[in-house]
N, C-alpha and C. Protein backbone atom coordinates (compact mmCIF):
# COMPACT_ATOMS: atom_id res chain seq x y z
N MET A 1 77.97 163.76 135.67
CA MET A 1 78.39 162.99 134.42
C MET A 1 79.19 161.79 134.84
N THR A 2 79.98 161.82 135.87
CA THR A 2 80.74 160.72 136.27
C THR A 2 79.75 159.60 136.73
N ASP A 3 78.75 159.96 137.46
CA ASP A 3 77.79 158.98 137.93
C ASP A 3 77.02 158.34 136.70
N LEU A 4 76.71 159.05 135.68
CA LEU A 4 76.14 158.51 134.51
C LEU A 4 77.04 157.51 133.84
N LEU A 5 78.36 157.83 133.72
CA LEU A 5 79.23 156.96 133.08
C LEU A 5 79.45 155.62 133.94
N VAL A 6 79.43 155.72 135.21
CA VAL A 6 79.62 154.54 136.01
C VAL A 6 78.34 153.72 135.96
N THR A 7 77.18 154.31 135.93
CA THR A 7 75.91 153.59 135.76
C THR A 7 75.80 152.86 134.49
N ILE A 8 76.21 153.49 133.38
CA ILE A 8 76.17 152.85 132.11
C ILE A 8 77.09 151.57 132.06
N VAL A 9 78.37 151.77 132.50
CA VAL A 9 79.33 150.72 132.40
C VAL A 9 79.11 149.59 133.41
N SER A 10 78.50 149.92 134.61
CA SER A 10 78.31 148.87 135.62
C SER A 10 77.38 147.77 135.13
N GLY A 11 76.46 148.11 134.18
CA GLY A 11 75.57 147.17 133.66
C GLY A 11 76.23 146.23 132.60
N LEU A 12 77.36 146.60 132.12
CA LEU A 12 78.16 145.84 131.08
C LEU A 12 79.19 144.88 131.67
N VAL A 13 79.80 145.25 132.83
CA VAL A 13 80.93 144.52 133.23
C VAL A 13 80.60 143.47 134.24
N SER A 14 81.50 142.49 134.44
CA SER A 14 81.23 141.45 135.46
C SER A 14 81.82 141.81 136.83
N GLU A 15 82.72 142.80 136.90
CA GLU A 15 83.29 143.24 138.15
C GLU A 15 83.12 144.78 138.34
N PRO A 16 81.83 145.12 138.70
CA PRO A 16 81.50 146.61 138.78
C PRO A 16 82.32 147.29 139.91
N GLU A 17 82.84 146.51 140.84
CA GLU A 17 83.60 147.20 141.97
C GLU A 17 84.89 147.64 141.44
N ASN A 18 85.36 147.36 140.30
CA ASN A 18 86.71 147.77 139.74
C ASN A 18 86.50 148.91 138.81
N ILE A 19 85.34 149.51 138.73
CA ILE A 19 85.21 150.61 137.87
C ILE A 19 85.63 151.96 138.59
N SER A 20 86.51 152.69 137.88
CA SER A 20 86.83 154.00 138.44
C SER A 20 86.93 154.98 137.29
N VAL A 21 86.57 156.26 137.60
CA VAL A 21 86.61 157.26 136.65
C VAL A 21 87.40 158.51 137.13
N THR A 22 88.33 158.97 136.34
CA THR A 22 88.99 160.22 136.72
C THR A 22 88.70 161.29 135.63
N VAL A 23 88.55 162.52 136.06
CA VAL A 23 88.16 163.57 135.16
C VAL A 23 89.28 164.58 135.19
N ASP A 24 89.70 164.91 133.94
CA ASP A 24 90.65 166.09 133.72
C ASP A 24 90.00 167.34 133.56
N GLU A 25 90.60 168.36 133.98
CA GLU A 25 90.12 169.69 133.76
C GLU A 25 90.07 170.06 132.34
N PRO A 26 89.11 170.88 131.84
CA PRO A 26 89.05 171.20 130.46
C PRO A 26 90.42 171.76 129.91
N ASN A 27 90.84 171.29 128.82
CA ASN A 27 92.13 171.69 128.22
C ASN A 27 91.86 173.08 127.48
N GLU A 28 92.97 173.53 126.79
CA GLU A 28 92.84 174.81 126.08
C GLU A 28 91.74 174.80 124.95
N GLU A 29 91.37 173.65 124.53
CA GLU A 29 90.34 173.63 123.50
C GLU A 29 88.98 173.41 124.15
N GLY A 30 88.82 173.34 125.44
CA GLY A 30 87.59 173.17 126.16
C GLY A 30 87.09 171.73 126.23
N VAL A 31 87.97 170.80 126.01
CA VAL A 31 87.55 169.39 126.06
C VAL A 31 87.81 168.79 127.49
N THR A 32 86.77 168.23 128.05
CA THR A 32 86.91 167.55 129.31
C THR A 32 87.02 166.08 129.08
N VAL A 33 88.11 165.52 129.57
CA VAL A 33 88.40 164.07 129.27
C VAL A 33 88.07 163.20 130.49
N TYR A 34 87.19 162.25 130.25
CA TYR A 34 86.81 161.26 131.33
C TYR A 34 87.61 159.96 131.09
N HIS A 35 88.50 159.55 132.00
CA HIS A 35 89.26 158.40 131.95
C HIS A 35 88.56 157.23 132.65
N LEU A 36 88.11 156.34 131.93
CA LEU A 36 87.32 155.12 132.53
C LEU A 36 88.34 153.95 132.62
N HIS A 37 88.38 153.45 133.89
CA HIS A 37 89.22 152.35 134.20
C HIS A 37 88.35 151.13 134.64
N VAL A 38 88.54 150.02 133.93
CA VAL A 38 87.80 148.81 134.29
C VAL A 38 88.75 147.65 134.43
N ALA A 39 88.28 146.53 134.95
CA ALA A 39 89.16 145.36 135.11
C ALA A 39 89.63 144.95 133.67
N GLU A 40 90.80 144.25 133.60
CA GLU A 40 91.27 143.77 132.32
C GLU A 40 90.35 142.81 131.64
N CYS A 41 89.72 141.99 132.46
CA CYS A 41 88.73 141.00 131.82
C CYS A 41 87.53 141.57 131.29
N ASP A 42 87.25 142.85 131.69
CA ASP A 42 86.01 143.54 131.17
C ASP A 42 86.24 144.47 130.01
N MET A 43 87.49 144.59 129.61
CA MET A 43 87.80 145.59 128.54
C MET A 43 86.98 145.28 127.24
N GLY A 44 86.97 144.01 126.91
CA GLY A 44 86.24 143.61 125.69
C GLY A 44 84.79 143.92 125.78
N ARG A 45 84.19 143.82 126.97
CA ARG A 45 82.75 144.05 127.08
C ARG A 45 82.46 145.49 126.97
N VAL A 46 83.40 146.36 127.45
CA VAL A 46 83.12 147.78 127.38
C VAL A 46 83.38 148.38 125.91
N ILE A 47 84.39 147.84 125.32
CA ILE A 47 84.76 148.22 123.94
C ILE A 47 83.80 147.69 122.91
N GLY A 48 83.41 146.43 123.03
CA GLY A 48 82.48 145.79 122.07
C GLY A 48 83.14 145.46 120.75
N LYS A 49 82.40 144.76 119.94
CA LYS A 49 82.92 144.39 118.59
C LYS A 49 83.00 145.63 117.75
N GLN A 50 84.27 145.77 117.21
CA GLN A 50 84.62 146.98 116.33
C GLN A 50 84.33 148.29 117.04
N GLY A 51 84.35 148.32 118.39
CA GLY A 51 84.26 149.54 119.19
C GLY A 51 82.86 150.10 119.23
N ARG A 52 81.84 149.29 118.94
CA ARG A 52 80.48 149.81 118.84
C ARG A 52 79.95 150.30 120.20
N ILE A 53 80.21 149.55 121.27
CA ILE A 53 79.67 149.84 122.54
C ILE A 53 80.44 151.12 123.03
N ALA A 54 81.74 151.21 122.86
CA ALA A 54 82.53 152.37 123.25
C ALA A 54 81.98 153.63 122.54
N LYS A 55 81.65 153.49 121.22
CA LYS A 55 81.10 154.62 120.54
C LYS A 55 79.77 155.04 121.13
N ALA A 56 78.98 154.04 121.48
CA ALA A 56 77.64 154.32 122.03
C ALA A 56 77.75 155.08 123.40
N ILE A 57 78.75 154.63 124.17
CA ILE A 57 78.98 155.30 125.47
C ILE A 57 79.29 156.71 125.24
N ARG A 58 80.21 156.99 124.27
CA ARG A 58 80.59 158.37 124.04
C ARG A 58 79.51 159.19 123.48
N VAL A 59 78.61 158.63 122.68
CA VAL A 59 77.43 159.36 122.14
C VAL A 59 76.45 159.75 123.32
N VAL A 60 76.21 158.84 124.21
CA VAL A 60 75.31 159.09 125.33
C VAL A 60 75.90 160.17 126.26
N MET A 61 77.24 160.10 126.46
CA MET A 61 77.89 161.11 127.34
C MET A 61 77.82 162.48 126.75
N ARG A 62 78.08 162.58 125.41
CA ARG A 62 77.93 163.90 124.68
C ARG A 62 76.51 164.42 124.68
N ALA A 63 75.55 163.52 124.56
CA ALA A 63 74.15 163.94 124.56
C ALA A 63 73.73 164.49 125.93
N ALA A 64 74.26 163.85 126.97
CA ALA A 64 73.85 164.19 128.30
C ALA A 64 74.45 165.40 128.83
N ASN A 65 75.48 165.91 128.10
CA ASN A 65 76.30 167.11 128.55
C ASN A 65 75.41 168.35 128.46
N ARG A 66 75.19 168.95 129.62
CA ARG A 66 74.34 170.20 129.59
C ARG A 66 75.21 171.48 129.70
N ASP A 67 76.50 171.30 129.94
CA ASP A 67 77.41 172.38 130.11
C ASP A 67 77.69 173.11 128.76
N GLY A 68 77.53 172.43 127.70
CA GLY A 68 77.96 172.97 126.35
C GLY A 68 79.34 172.76 125.94
N GLY A 69 80.16 172.24 126.88
CA GLY A 69 81.58 171.96 126.53
C GLY A 69 81.71 170.63 125.84
N LYS A 70 82.87 170.36 125.32
CA LYS A 70 83.17 169.07 124.67
C LYS A 70 83.54 168.00 125.62
N ILE A 71 83.21 166.81 125.37
CA ILE A 71 83.49 165.67 126.26
C ILE A 71 84.19 164.56 125.48
N SER A 72 85.21 164.01 126.08
CA SER A 72 85.90 162.81 125.50
C SER A 72 85.97 161.75 126.56
N VAL A 73 85.70 160.44 126.15
CA VAL A 73 85.79 159.38 127.05
C VAL A 73 86.92 158.43 126.63
N GLU A 74 87.86 158.30 127.48
CA GLU A 74 88.97 157.30 127.19
C GLU A 74 88.85 156.07 128.00
N ILE A 75 88.90 154.94 127.33
CA ILE A 75 88.76 153.69 128.14
C ILE A 75 90.20 153.11 128.30
N GLU A 76 90.51 152.85 129.55
CA GLU A 76 91.87 152.37 129.92
C GLU A 76 91.77 151.13 130.81
């Protein structure tokens, strides 16, 4: 799942070498949180107008989840 997130975001940003993802263990509600870190200059590209690109990234990540658990993507 981490590789999928990096692959999606690397096509959007101008500095793909600055992409990093950290994953938290599932919390008590079963939600696994992926923390996406990109360069400051690429934040707007990843979030998009009115958050449309960020929403699309979250939808793709949830659709690709085969574990059955819940996924959350936080962009930082």
